[in-house]
């Protein structure tokens, strides 16, 4: 039912076709014998994802991202019942049609934290930030031995070096204001990233949108999901998305997060450098969502987004 996809532009077009992706999910549901199960499309995200019934989620991956279905499946299998909150349980992963693959997993209870954030009382927000720090710490403490060879990169230093080479191509392809764009090469050259042999399981998109909470139980955190972009690497890399999508440039919340995580804060310049090197960095979006300093300097921006003073 789903057409072969060879480019990300074609993928965007498929994902935007509600009728097409819904019909494809229903077809697969029937093939698997799940007759009569209601299908609900999760419209957020870059891939077609559906709730099937009350307990299952189907996620579809085009051929150009087929390896991500393997990454998601292997991480889900590894994490089941290993964190202080739930992660989806892997049910099955298989081929679909025209190069597409799917992962079938259990559905987490609650709603994503981003959706409920405006309704959460301040004291509960503080507690949830702390719980998020504890969850990320638990993820980073996981034994990664079974995942070596199953997740990229094989060499973190080579990965970072390649990201340095490709960073400007990524940022130049987006409407980044020139005053900021011109600073990026010198800023990245000036920042010495952590030199350590510590390697952990990285979520890489640790954000409110991927954390679930139970609104009828004092806003208790219930789960963490979306592991298609998981990597093995330096733990500081995960803090790029923490500053951008969990603490949102609030120093008090960043302090709280690090305290719950159980370590001293990373240098803000290092965290901004990892954000600029991130595979999916989108500076124009961050400028629209996060506080921006009056003086357009990347070192000031680093303190604004990732600082713990104030």
Protein backbone atom coordinates (compact mmCIF):
# COMPACT_ATOMS: atom_id res chain seq x y z
CA UNK A 1 0.00 0.00 0.00
CA UNK A 2 2.78 2.48 0.85
CA UNK A 3 4.83 3.56 -2.20
CA UNK A 4 8.59 3.17 -2.46
CA UNK A 5 10.33 6.21 -0.99
CA UNK A 6 13.78 7.29 -2.20
CA UNK A 7 14.08 10.83 -0.81
CA UNK A 8 13.10 12.67 2.35
CA UNK A 9 10.89 14.95 0.25
CA UNK A 10 8.96 11.87 -0.89
CA UNK A 11 8.78 10.70 2.72
CA UNK A 12 7.30 14.04 3.80
CA UNK A 13 4.69 13.76 1.05
CA UNK A 14 3.70 10.25 2.14
CA UNK A 15 3.49 11.25 5.82
CA UNK A 16 1.29 14.22 4.89
CA UNK A 17 -1.19 11.95 3.07
CA UNK A 18 -3.48 11.01 5.96
CA UNK A 19 -5.72 8.83 3.81
CA UNK A 20 -2.79 6.85 2.40
CA UNK A 21 -0.96 6.13 5.66
CA UNK A 22 -4.16 5.30 7.54
CA UNK A 23 -5.19 2.84 4.82
CA UNK A 24 -1.73 1.25 4.95
CA UNK A 25 -1.96 0.78 8.70
CA UNK A 26 -5.43 -0.72 8.45
CA UNK A 27 -4.20 -3.11 5.76
CA UNK A 28 -1.34 -4.31 7.97
CA UNK A 29 -3.66 -4.60 10.98
CA UNK A 30 -5.93 -6.88 8.95
CA UNK A 31 -2.98 -8.91 7.67
CA UNK A 32 -2.00 -9.55 11.29
CA UNK A 33 -5.51 -10.65 12.20
CA UNK A 34 -6.33 -7.70 14.44
CA UNK A 35 -9.81 -7.24 13.00
CA UNK A 36 -11.90 -4.42 14.39
CA UNK A 37 -9.10 -2.71 16.32
CA UNK A 38 -9.50 1.07 16.09
CA UNK A 39 -6.61 2.92 14.46
CA UNK A 40 -5.53 6.38 15.69
CA UNK A 41 -2.86 8.39 13.82
CA UNK A 42 -0.25 10.20 15.93
CA UNK A 43 0.30 13.22 13.69
CA UNK A 44 3.43 14.52 15.43
CA UNK A 45 6.80 13.16 14.33
CA UNK A 46 8.57 12.48 11.06
CA UNK A 47 7.31 8.90 10.50
CA UNK A 48 3.82 7.33 10.28
CA UNK A 49 2.88 6.12 13.78
CA UNK A 50 -0.49 4.70 14.84
CA UNK A 51 -2.12 3.50 18.01
CA UNK A 52 -3.95 0.25 17.32
CA UNK A 53 -6.55 -0.50 19.95
CA UNK A 54 -5.72 0.57 23.48
CA UNK A 55 -2.50 -1.35 23.91
CA UNK A 56 -0.41 -1.31 20.71
CA UNK A 57 1.55 1.10 18.53
CA UNK A 58 2.66 0.53 14.92
CA UNK A 59 5.55 2.59 13.58
CA UNK A 60 6.50 2.57 9.88
CA UNK A 61 9.98 3.21 8.43
CA UNK A 62 10.74 3.75 4.71
CA UNK A 63 13.57 1.91 2.98
CA UNK A 64 15.86 4.94 3.26
CA UNK A 65 15.53 4.67 7.04
CA UNK A 66 15.17 0.91 7.34
CA UNK A 67 18.14 0.66 9.70
CA UNK A 68 16.28 2.85 12.20
CA UNK A 69 13.65 0.15 12.60
CA UNK A 70 16.46 -2.20 13.65
CA UNK A 71 17.86 0.37 16.07
CA UNK A 72 14.44 0.92 17.63
CA UNK A 73 13.74 -2.79 17.94
CA UNK A 74 17.07 -3.71 19.50
CA UNK A 75 16.89 -0.86 22.03
CA UNK A 76 13.29 -1.63 23.00
CA UNK A 77 14.19 -5.26 23.53
CA UNK A 78 17.20 -4.26 25.64
CA UNK A 79 15.40 -1.68 27.82
CA UNK A 80 12.22 -3.57 28.69
CA UNK A 81 11.68 -3.24 32.46
CA UNK A 82 15.17 -1.83 33.01
CA UNK A 83 14.37 1.86 33.69
CA UNK A 84 12.46 3.54 36.54
CA UNK A 85 9.71 4.35 34.02
CA UNK A 86 8.17 2.19 31.33
CA UNK A 87 9.51 1.86 27.82
CA UNK A 88 7.46 0.22 25.05
CA UNK A 89 7.77 -3.54 24.92
CA UNK A 90 8.81 -4.85 21.54
CA UNK A 91 6.15 -7.17 20.07
CA UNK A 92 7.59 -7.70 16.61
CA UNK A 93 9.52 -5.99 13.82
CA UNK A 94 9.22 -7.02 10.21
CA UNK A 95 9.14 -6.05 6.54
CA UNK A 96 6.02 -4.48 5.08
CA UNK A 97 6.00 -3.48 1.37
CA UNK A 98 8.16 -1.50 -1.09
CA UNK A 99 11.11 -1.37 1.29
CA UNK A 100 9.03 -0.20 4.24
CA UNK A 101 9.40 -1.89 7.61
CA UNK A 102 7.38 -1.66 10.79
CA UNK A 103 7.87 -2.08 14.51
CA UNK A 104 4.93 -3.22 16.62
CA UNK A 105 5.22 -2.28 20.29
CA UNK A 106 3.10 -1.77 23.38
CA UNK A 107 1.55 1.63 24.06
CA UNK A 108 2.68 3.62 27.09
CA UNK A 109 0.15 4.95 29.59
CA UNK A 110 -0.47 8.68 29.92
CA UNK A 111 0.16 11.60 27.55
CA UNK A 112 3.38 13.13 26.37
CA UNK A 113 4.73 15.70 28.81
CA UNK A 114 4.88 18.49 26.21
CA UNK A 115 1.16 18.21 25.54
CA UNK A 116 0.26 18.48 29.20
CA UNK A 117 2.92 20.98 30.28
CA UNK A 118 0.66 24.07 30.33
CA UNK A 119 -1.72 22.30 32.74
CA UNK A 120 0.90 21.05 35.19
CA UNK A 121 1.22 22.98 38.50
CA UNK A 122 4.67 24.56 39.13
CA UNK A 123 5.59 22.18 41.96
CA UNK A 124 4.76 19.18 39.79
CA UNK A 125 6.79 20.64 36.92
CA UNK A 126 9.80 20.84 39.21
CA UNK A 127 9.33 17.24 40.30
CA UNK A 128 8.95 16.05 36.70
CA UNK A 129 12.19 17.80 35.71
CA UNK A 130 13.92 15.92 38.53
CA UNK A 131 12.31 12.64 37.47
CA UNK A 132 13.49 13.28 33.91
CA UNK A 133 17.04 13.71 35.17
CA UNK A 134 16.80 10.42 37.05
CA UNK A 135 15.46 8.65 33.95
CA UNK A 136 18.31 9.90 31.76
CA UNK A 137 20.85 8.91 34.42
CA UNK A 138 19.37 5.39 34.51
CA UNK A 139 19.50 5.17 30.72
CA UNK A 140 23.16 6.20 30.74
CA UNK A 141 23.99 3.63 33.42
CA UNK A 142 22.65 0.74 31.33
CA UNK A 143 25.08 -1.99 30.31
CA UNK A 144 25.73 -1.30 26.61
CA UNK A 145 27.68 -4.50 25.97
CA UNK A 146 24.74 -6.26 24.22
CA UNK A 147 24.25 -3.21 21.98
CA UNK A 148 27.80 -2.83 20.70
CA UNK A 149 27.82 -3.45 16.99
CA UNK A 150 24.05 -3.11 16.79
CA UNK A 151 24.00 0.68 17.19
CA UNK A 152 26.20 3.38 15.64
CA UNK A 153 28.74 4.80 15.79
CA UNK A 154 31.53 2.26 16.05
CA UNK A 155 33.99 5.07 16.82
CA UNK A 156 32.71 8.18 18.63
CA UNK A 157 35.73 10.34 17.80
CA UNK A 158 35.28 9.63 14.09
CA UNK A 159 31.57 10.42 14.38
CA UNK A 160 32.28 13.80 15.99
CA UNK A 161 34.98 14.60 13.44
CA UNK A 162 32.54 13.86 10.63
CA UNK A 163 29.87 16.01 12.25
CA UNK A 164 32.38 18.88 12.39
CA UNK A 165 32.93 18.50 8.65
CA UNK A 166 29.21 18.39 7.87
CA UNK A 167 27.87 20.91 10.41
CA UNK A 168 28.04 23.99 8.21
CA UNK A 169 26.31 22.22 5.34
CA UNK A 170 23.42 21.44 7.70
CA UNK A 171 23.15 24.96 9.12
CA UNK A 172 23.60 26.66 5.75
CA UNK A 173 20.65 24.68 4.40
CA UNK A 174 18.34 26.35 6.94
CA UNK A 175 17.34 30.02 7.36
CA UNK A 176 19.86 30.69 10.12
CA UNK A 177 20.48 34.45 10.50
CA UNK A 178 23.86 35.35 9.01
CA UNK A 179 25.07 36.99 12.22
CA UNK A 180 24.82 33.60 13.95
CA UNK A 181 25.84 31.41 11.02
CA UNK A 182 29.18 33.17 10.53
CA UNK A 183 30.22 32.46 14.13
CA UNK A 184 29.70 28.70 14.04
CA UNK A 185 33.05 27.55 12.52
CA UNK A 186 35.18 29.55 14.95
CA UNK A 187 33.00 28.62 17.90
CA UNK A 188 33.21 24.91 17.15
CA UNK A 189 36.96 25.16 16.62
CA UNK A 190 37.35 26.86 20.01
CA UNK A 191 35.36 24.36 22.10
CA UNK A 192 37.21 21.36 23.50
CA UNK A 193 34.63 18.62 23.87
CA UNK A 194 34.88 16.19 26.82
CA UNK A 195 37.83 13.84 26.48
CA UNK A 196 36.69 10.62 28.08
CA UNK A 197 36.33 6.94 27.35
CA UNK A 198 32.84 6.95 28.87
CA UNK A 199 30.33 5.56 26.39
CA UNK A 200 26.63 5.20 27.12
CA UNK A 201 23.34 4.48 25.40
CA UNK A 202 22.18 7.84 24.03
CA UNK A 203 18.55 8.60 23.35
CA UNK A 204 19.69 11.67 21.28
CA UNK A 205 16.20 13.24 21.30
CA UNK A 206 15.49 13.30 25.03
CA UNK A 207 12.63 15.81 25.20
CA UNK A 208 9.26 16.47 26.77
CA UNK A 209 7.60 15.10 23.62
CA UNK A 210 9.17 11.68 24.28
CA UNK A 211 8.35 11.48 27.99
CA UNK A 212 4.89 10.42 29.14
CA UNK A 213 3.04 11.49 32.26
CA UNK A 214 -0.14 10.39 34.01
CA UNK A 215 -2.33 13.47 34.54
CA UNK A 216 -4.70 11.79 37.00
CA UNK A 217 -1.93 10.57 39.30
CA UNK A 218 -0.32 13.82 40.44
CA UNK A 219 1.44 14.14 37.10
CA UNK A 220 3.60 11.10 37.68
CA UNK A 221 6.11 10.34 34.94
CA UNK A 222 5.19 7.07 33.27
CA UNK A 223 7.46 6.44 30.31
CA UNK A 224 10.13 7.16 27.72
CA UNK A 225 9.79 6.28 24.04
CA UNK A 226 11.13 6.86 20.50
CA UNK A 227 14.54 5.20 20.20
CA UNK A 228 14.96 5.16 16.42
CA UNK A 229 17.86 7.64 16.59
CA UNK A 230 19.67 5.96 19.50
CA UNK A 231 23.48 5.98 19.47
CA UNK A 232 26.34 4.86 21.67
CA UNK A 233 28.55 7.76 22.66
CA UNK A 234 29.49 10.58 25.02
CA UNK A 235 26.74 11.28 27.60
CA UNK A 236 27.15 15.04 27.08
CA UNK A 237 25.59 14.66 23.62
CA UNK A 238 22.19 13.90 25.19
CA UNK A 239 22.27 17.17 27.13
CA UNK A 240 22.00 19.15 23.90
CA UNK A 241 18.35 18.12 23.62
CA UNK A 242 17.83 18.45 27.38
CA UNK A 243 18.61 22.18 27.25
CA UNK A 244 16.56 22.72 24.11
CA UNK A 245 13.54 20.53 24.83
CA UNK A 246 13.31 19.73 28.55
CA UNK A 247 14.58 22.73 30.54
CA UNK A 248 14.05 25.28 27.73
CA UNK A 249 16.85 27.64 28.73
CA UNK A 250 15.77 27.93 32.37
CA UNK A 251 18.88 27.89 34.62
CA UNK A 252 16.95 26.79 37.72
CA UNK A 253 15.51 23.80 35.88
CA UNK A 254 18.88 22.92 34.37
CA UNK A 255 20.40 22.92 37.87
CA UNK A 256 17.58 20.70 39.05
CA UNK A 257 18.06 18.32 36.13
CA UNK A 258 21.80 17.93 36.73
CA UNK A 259 21.27 17.45 40.46
CA UNK A 260 18.80 14.64 39.79
CA UNK A 261 21.09 13.17 37.14
CA UNK A 262 23.84 13.07 39.78
CA UNK A 263 26.74 15.01 38.31
CA UNK A 264 28.19 18.51 38.05
CA UNK A 265 26.92 20.46 35.03
CA UNK A 266 28.78 20.26 31.74
CA UNK A 267 30.29 23.45 30.41
CA UNK A 268 27.58 25.40 28.51
CA UNK A 269 29.92 25.87 25.55
CA UNK A 270 30.33 22.09 25.29
CA UNK A 271 26.58 21.53 25.32
CA UNK A 272 25.99 24.19 22.66
CA UNK A 273 28.79 22.68 20.57
CA UNK A 274 27.10 19.29 20.73
CA UNK A 275 23.80 20.95 19.78
CA UNK A 276 25.45 22.54 16.73
CA UNK A 277 26.98 19.15 15.84
CA UNK A 278 23.74 17.26 16.42
CA UNK A 279 22.45 15.29 13.46
CA UNK A 280 19.07 17.00 13.64
CA UNK A 281 19.96 20.51 14.83
CA UNK A 282 17.44 23.16 13.76
CA UNK A 283 18.64 26.58 14.94
CA UNK A 284 15.75 28.60 13.44
CA UNK A 285 13.28 26.48 15.40
CA UNK A 286 15.29 26.87 18.61
CA UNK A 287 15.43 30.65 18.16
CA UNK A 288 11.62 30.65 17.91
CA UNK A 289 11.17 28.59 21.08
CA UNK A 290 14.02 29.52 23.43
CA UNK A 291 15.19 32.80 24.98
CA UNK A 292 17.70 34.64 22.80
CA UNK A 293 20.28 37.10 24.18
CA UNK A 294 20.24 40.71 23.01
CA UNK A 295 23.87 40.44 21.91
CA UNK A 296 24.22 37.87 19.12
CA UNK A 297 27.22 35.90 20.41
CA UNK A 298 27.39 32.12 20.59
CA UNK A 299 29.20 32.09 23.95
CA UNK A 300 26.37 34.16 25.43
CA UNK A 301 23.82 31.94 23.72
CA UNK A 302 25.48 28.88 25.30
CA UNK A 303 25.04 30.36 28.77
CA UNK A 304 21.45 31.41 27.97
CA UNK A 305 20.37 27.94 26.83
CA UNK A 306 22.56 25.68 28.95
CA UNK A 307 23.74 27.73 31.91
CA UNK A 308 22.88 26.90 35.52
CA UNK A 309 23.53 30.36 36.99
CA UNK A 310 20.66 32.74 37.45
